[in-house]
Amino acid sequence: MNHRYASALVVLASAAALLVAECGSSSASPRLAASNPTVSTKAGSARTTSTAWKPCHLPAGYKHFFKLDSAKKVHGKTVVRVTPQTCKVNTENDEDVVYTPSGAARSLGFASGASVKVLRDTTTVKVAPKWLVNHELTNTPYFHYRVNGQNQITAMQEIYHP
């Protein structure tokens, strides 16, 4: 196969992948929503920004949102890589939620006795921070969380989106 033919195939495959990504799926993923503020996390309910949006509600004591990028053990302690997020919800349909990165990704450790809650179906389950290292989340990678004065996570809870 000559070089021009191979290059043409690569360009054609890239164009097809882009076309599929733009219009091939009726469901919007949270990852797509984070990069495109006109797409929501609810499947099949993409809306334009002309809809009225308001900031998401945080439970008492929580002041931040983040997307959990990864979790690993470092020197025997659990460390998570997170991306800070802002969150907004459609005022006409509270199941339409959009996350937007609000800062650079960073690593955070856990304070002693930190509380971690994840979703199992629609129920919240308390787990140890080390649980995050070897398990996959079933809902979304979005959490609300608190940190102490040493910038360690004291509490984090996965956010449920129907």
Protein backbone atom coordinates (compact mmCIF):
# COMPACT_ATOMS: atom_id res chain seq x y z
CA MET A 1 0.00 0.00 0.00
CA ASN A 2 1.50 3.36 -0.96
CA HIS A 3 1.89 6.33 1.38
CA ARG A 4 -0.78 8.52 -0.30
CA TYR A 5 -3.37 5.76 -0.11
CA ALA A 6 -2.65 5.16 3.59
CA SER A 7 -2.82 8.91 4.33
CA ALA A 8 -6.15 9.20 2.53
CA LEU A 9 -7.54 6.31 4.58
CA VAL A 10 -6.44 7.98 7.83
CA VAL A 11 -8.08 11.28 6.84
CA LEU A 12 -11.28 9.49 5.81
CA ALA A 13 -11.39 7.49 9.05
CA SER A 14 -10.84 10.66 11.11
CA ALA A 15 -13.65 12.46 9.28
CA ALA A 16 -15.99 9.51 9.82
CA ALA A 17 -15.13 9.36 13.53
CA LEU A 18 -15.75 13.11 13.88
CA LEU A 19 -19.10 12.80 12.09
CA VAL A 20 -20.16 9.93 14.36
CA ALA A 21 -19.05 11.85 17.46
CA GLU A 22 -21.02 14.94 16.43
CA CYS A 23 -24.29 13.31 15.38
CA GLY A 24 -24.16 9.58 15.79
CA SER A 25 -25.32 9.26 19.39
CA SER A 26 -28.56 10.45 20.92
CA SER A 27 -27.17 10.23 24.45
CA ALA A 28 -24.86 12.81 25.93
CA SER A 29 -22.07 11.65 28.16
CA PRO A 30 -20.87 13.64 31.19
CA ARG A 31 -17.43 13.82 29.58
CA LEU A 32 -18.97 15.49 26.50
CA ALA A 33 -21.06 17.77 28.70
CA ALA A 34 -17.97 18.98 30.51
CA SER A 35 -16.43 20.18 27.26
CA ASN A 36 -19.61 21.46 25.63
CA PRO A 37 -21.95 23.63 27.71
CA THR A 38 -24.87 23.02 25.35
CA VAL A 39 -25.05 19.30 26.14
CA SER A 40 -26.56 17.88 29.30
CA THR A 41 -25.82 14.72 31.27
CA LYS A 42 -29.37 13.37 30.79
CA ALA A 43 -29.59 11.06 27.79
CA GLY A 44 -31.56 12.41 24.86
CA SER A 45 -32.15 15.84 26.36
CA ALA A 46 -29.52 18.07 24.77
CA ARG A 47 -30.57 21.69 24.99
CA THR A 48 -29.10 24.95 23.79
CA THR A 49 -27.86 27.61 26.15
CA SER A 50 -31.01 29.71 25.56
CA THR A 51 -32.66 27.70 28.36
CA ALA A 52 -32.52 29.25 31.83
CA TRP A 53 -29.83 27.68 34.02
CA LYS A 54 -29.01 28.09 37.70
CA PRO A 55 -26.07 26.90 39.82
CA CYS A 56 -26.42 23.38 41.24
CA HIS A 57 -27.39 23.05 44.89
CA LEU A 58 -24.69 21.79 47.25
CA PRO A 59 -25.64 19.97 50.47
CA ALA A 60 -24.91 21.76 53.75
CA GLY A 61 -21.20 21.87 54.52
CA TYR A 62 -20.06 21.12 50.95
CA LYS A 63 -18.60 23.95 48.88
CA HIS A 64 -17.05 22.31 45.81
CA PHE A 65 -17.67 19.96 42.88
CA PHE A 66 -15.08 17.83 41.14
CA LYS A 67 -14.76 15.16 38.51
CA LEU A 68 -12.88 12.11 39.78
CA ASP A 69 -10.26 11.38 37.14
CA SER A 70 -8.44 8.54 38.93
CA ALA A 71 -7.50 7.06 42.29
CA LYS A 72 -4.32 5.26 43.27
CA LYS A 73 -2.16 4.26 46.22
CA VAL A 74 0.90 6.42 46.83
CA HIS A 75 3.21 5.46 49.71
CA GLY A 76 0.36 3.48 51.29
CA LYS A 77 -2.17 6.34 51.12
CA THR A 78 -5.04 6.84 48.70
CA VAL A 79 -4.64 9.81 46.39
CA VAL A 80 -7.25 10.98 43.87
CA ARG A 81 -6.66 13.01 40.74
CA VAL A 82 -9.53 15.45 40.34
CA THR A 83 -10.64 18.29 38.10
CA PRO A 84 -12.58 21.12 39.80
CA GLN A 85 -15.98 21.72 38.17
CA THR A 86 -18.78 24.22 38.15
CA CYS A 87 -22.26 22.82 37.87
CA LYS A 88 -25.48 24.24 36.54
CA VAL A 89 -28.97 22.81 36.24
CA ASN A 90 -31.79 23.58 33.82
CA THR A 91 -34.55 25.48 35.64
CA GLU A 92 -37.19 23.83 33.46
CA ASN A 93 -35.88 20.26 33.91
CA ASP A 94 -33.78 19.52 36.97
CA GLU A 95 -32.50 16.32 35.37
CA ASP A 96 -30.53 18.43 32.84
CA VAL A 97 -27.17 19.05 34.50
CA VAL A 98 -24.01 20.47 32.95
CA TYR A 99 -20.51 20.31 34.46
CA THR A 100 -17.74 22.59 33.23
CA PRO A 101 -14.08 22.37 34.29
CA SER A 102 -13.19 25.37 36.46
CA GLY A 103 -9.50 24.73 37.05
CA ALA A 104 -6.54 22.50 36.38
CA ALA A 105 -6.50 18.88 37.47
CA ARG A 106 -4.77 18.27 40.80
CA SER A 107 -4.07 15.47 43.25
CA LEU A 108 -5.64 15.34 46.71
CA GLY A 109 -5.09 12.97 49.61
CA PHE A 110 -7.55 12.01 52.33
CA ALA A 111 -7.59 13.18 55.92
CA SER A 112 -7.68 10.55 58.64
CA GLY A 113 -11.26 9.28 59.04
CA ALA A 114 -12.45 10.80 55.75
CA SER A 115 -15.99 9.94 54.70
CA VAL A 116 -16.50 8.66 51.14
CA LYS A 117 -19.96 7.89 49.79
CA VAL A 118 -20.62 6.34 46.40
CA LEU A 119 -23.79 5.26 44.66
CA ARG A 120 -24.96 1.70 44.34
CA ASP A 121 -28.00 1.97 42.07
CA THR A 122 -29.85 4.92 43.65
CA THR A 123 -28.65 4.39 47.24
CA THR A 124 -25.63 5.99 48.84
CA VAL A 125 -23.09 3.58 50.34
CA LYS A 126 -20.19 4.54 52.61
CA VAL A 127 -16.81 3.13 51.53
CA ALA A 128 -13.20 3.54 52.60
CA PRO A 129 -11.15 5.91 50.39
CA LYS A 130 -8.99 2.93 49.28
CA TRP A 131 -12.13 1.38 47.71
CA LEU A 132 -11.86 3.99 44.92
CA VAL A 133 -8.54 2.54 43.72
CA ASN A 134 -9.85 -0.80 42.44
CA HIS A 135 -13.52 -0.15 41.72
CA GLU A 136 -15.41 1.46 38.91
CA LEU A 137 -18.18 3.94 39.63
CA THR A 138 -21.58 2.95 38.27
CA ASN A 139 -23.11 6.43 37.97
CA THR A 140 -20.96 9.46 37.12
CA PRO A 141 -17.48 10.58 38.12
CA TYR A 142 -18.87 13.74 39.74
CA PHE A 143 -18.67 14.41 43.47
CA HIS A 144 -19.20 17.20 45.92
CA TYR A 145 -16.51 17.39 48.58
CA ARG A 146 -14.96 19.19 51.56
CA VAL A 147 -11.30 19.75 52.38
CA ASN A 148 -9.52 20.69 55.59
CA GLY A 149 -6.82 23.33 56.15
CA GLN A 150 -4.13 20.99 54.79
CA ASN A 151 -6.07 20.58 51.51
CA GLN A 152 -6.98 16.97 52.36
CA ILE A 153 -10.42 15.56 51.57
CA THR A 154 -12.51 15.14 54.72
CA ALA A 155 -15.74 14.14 52.95
CA MET A 156 -16.82 13.40 49.41
CA GLN A 157 -20.06 12.07 47.97
CA GLU A 158 -20.90 10.89 44.47
CA ILE A 159 -23.70 12.85 42.83
CA TYR A 160 -26.78 11.04 41.56
CA HIS A 161 -28.22 12.07 38.20
CA PRO A 162 -31.31 10.20 37.00
